[in-house]
Amino acid sequence: MVESEKRETPRVPFYTRINLLVEGAIIGPCMARDLCLGGIFIETKNPPTKKTACIVQINFGDKNKHPLSIAGHIVRTAPNGIGIQFTEMDSNAFNVLTEIITTANPE
């Protein structure tokens, strides 16, 4: 089974600067490349190791949207970045991500 076939929600392009917190230290800013409700791919030149717990901080730069902090862990490393699976998010983060995905992929 191809990785994309395992996804329960669609993956959409999502280009924005984020901060990645690993063991209390900020790695970044990094650039997000794509997003789904289950996770995010982040471009970084210094990726932490697979299975490392992290916090993804998304700041939209919009006064109407509060920054999001979403817990996750690294499930994939690549030469250009890392795949992070979300492990915990509050209802606000879920609603904001759902809105982003629905707007980018109206079906």
Protein backbone atom coordinates (compact mmCIF):
# COMPACT_ATOMS: atom_id res chain seq x y z
CA MET A 1 0.00 0.00 0.00
CA VAL A 2 1.32 3.43 -0.97
CA GLU A 3 1.66 5.94 1.88
CA SER A 4 -0.92 8.31 0.36
CA GLU A 5 -3.47 5.47 0.35
CA LYS A 6 -3.19 5.20 4.14
CA ARG A 7 -4.41 8.77 4.67
CA GLU A 8 -7.89 9.20 6.09
CA THR A 9 -8.03 12.89 5.17
CA PRO A 10 -6.81 14.73 2.08
CA ARG A 11 -3.36 16.30 1.99
CA VAL A 12 -3.24 19.86 0.69
CA PRO A 13 -0.44 22.30 -0.13
CA PHE A 14 0.24 24.50 2.89
CA TYR A 15 3.12 26.93 2.67
CA THR A 16 3.75 28.91 5.83
CA ARG A 17 6.54 29.46 8.32
CA ILE A 18 6.26 27.42 11.48
CA ASN A 19 8.32 26.80 14.58
CA LEU A 20 9.12 23.27 15.65
CA LEU A 21 9.81 22.62 19.32
CA VAL A 22 11.87 19.55 20.16
CA GLU A 23 12.90 18.88 23.76
CA GLY A 24 12.15 22.51 24.66
CA ALA A 25 14.36 23.97 21.92
CA ILE A 26 13.03 25.74 18.84
CA ILE A 27 14.13 24.32 15.52
CA GLY A 28 13.34 26.85 12.89
CA PRO A 29 11.69 28.75 11.66
CA CYS A 30 10.88 26.01 9.19
CA MET A 31 8.60 26.00 6.16
CA ALA A 32 5.50 23.84 6.02
CA ARG A 33 4.92 22.23 2.64
CA ASP A 34 1.69 20.28 3.01
CA LEU A 35 -0.92 19.45 5.60
CA CYS A 36 -3.69 17.01 6.45
CA LEU A 37 -5.70 16.54 9.64
CA GLY A 38 -3.32 13.77 10.63
CA GLY A 39 -0.03 15.59 10.14
CA ILE A 40 2.25 17.99 8.31
CA PHE A 41 5.41 17.88 6.19
CA ILE A 42 8.02 20.46 7.18
CA GLU A 43 11.09 21.44 5.20
CA THR A 44 14.18 21.62 7.39
CA LYS A 45 17.89 21.14 6.85
CA ASN A 46 18.51 19.79 10.36
CA PRO A 47 15.84 17.16 10.96
CA PRO A 48 15.47 15.54 14.36
CA THR A 49 15.43 11.75 14.38
CA LYS A 50 12.40 9.61 13.65
CA LYS A 51 10.00 8.99 16.58
CA THR A 52 11.05 12.23 18.30
CA ALA A 53 8.17 14.00 20.06
CA CYS A 54 7.62 17.62 19.05
CA ILE A 55 5.26 20.59 19.09
CA VAL A 56 4.32 22.29 15.82
CA GLN A 57 3.60 25.99 16.26
CA ILE A 58 1.69 27.63 13.42
CA ASN A 59 1.43 31.41 13.50
CA PHE A 60 -0.87 32.69 10.78
CA GLY A 61 0.15 36.34 11.01
CA ASP A 62 -3.55 37.18 11.09
CA LYS A 63 -4.94 38.95 14.16
CA ASN A 64 -8.20 37.02 13.74
CA LYS A 65 -6.48 33.63 14.02
CA HIS A 66 -4.64 32.67 17.17
CA PRO A 67 -1.40 30.69 16.81
CA LEU A 68 -1.83 26.92 17.02
CA SER A 69 0.33 24.51 19.02
CA ILE A 70 -0.14 20.88 18.03
CA ALA A 71 1.66 17.91 19.59
CA GLY A 72 3.11 15.26 17.32
CA HIS A 73 6.01 12.97 16.61
CA ILE A 74 8.28 12.52 13.62
CA VAL A 75 7.27 9.56 11.49
CA ARG A 76 9.36 10.16 8.38
CA THR A 77 12.62 11.83 7.52
CA ALA A 78 13.67 12.86 4.03
CA PRO A 79 16.63 14.81 2.66
CA ASN A 80 14.49 17.94 2.46
CA GLY A 81 12.46 17.64 5.66
CA ILE A 82 10.30 15.60 8.02
CA GLY A 83 6.81 14.17 8.20
CA ILE A 84 5.08 14.74 11.51
CA GLN A 85 2.02 12.83 12.70
CA PHE A 86 -0.21 14.83 15.01
CA THR A 87 -0.88 13.10 18.31
CA GLU A 88 -2.90 15.70 20.20
CA MET A 89 -4.76 18.88 19.27
CA ASP A 90 -7.51 20.90 20.85
CA SER A 91 -10.87 21.53 19.21
CA ASN A 92 -9.83 24.98 18.00
CA ALA A 93 -6.80 23.55 16.16
CA PHE A 94 -8.98 20.81 14.67
CA ASN A 95 -11.51 23.38 13.44
CA VAL A 96 -8.85 25.68 11.95
CA LEU A 97 -7.09 22.80 10.16
CA THR A 98 -10.42 21.48 8.88
CA GLU A 99 -11.21 24.93 7.45
CA ILE A 100 -7.78 25.16 5.75
CA ILE A 101 -8.14 21.70 4.20
CA THR A 102 -11.73 22.22 3.10
CA THR A 103 -10.92 25.57 1.51
CA ALA A 104 -7.92 24.13 -0.35
CA ASN A 105 -9.73 20.94 -1.41
CA PRO A 106 -13.47 21.66 -1.86
CA GLU A 107 -15.15 18.33 -2.66
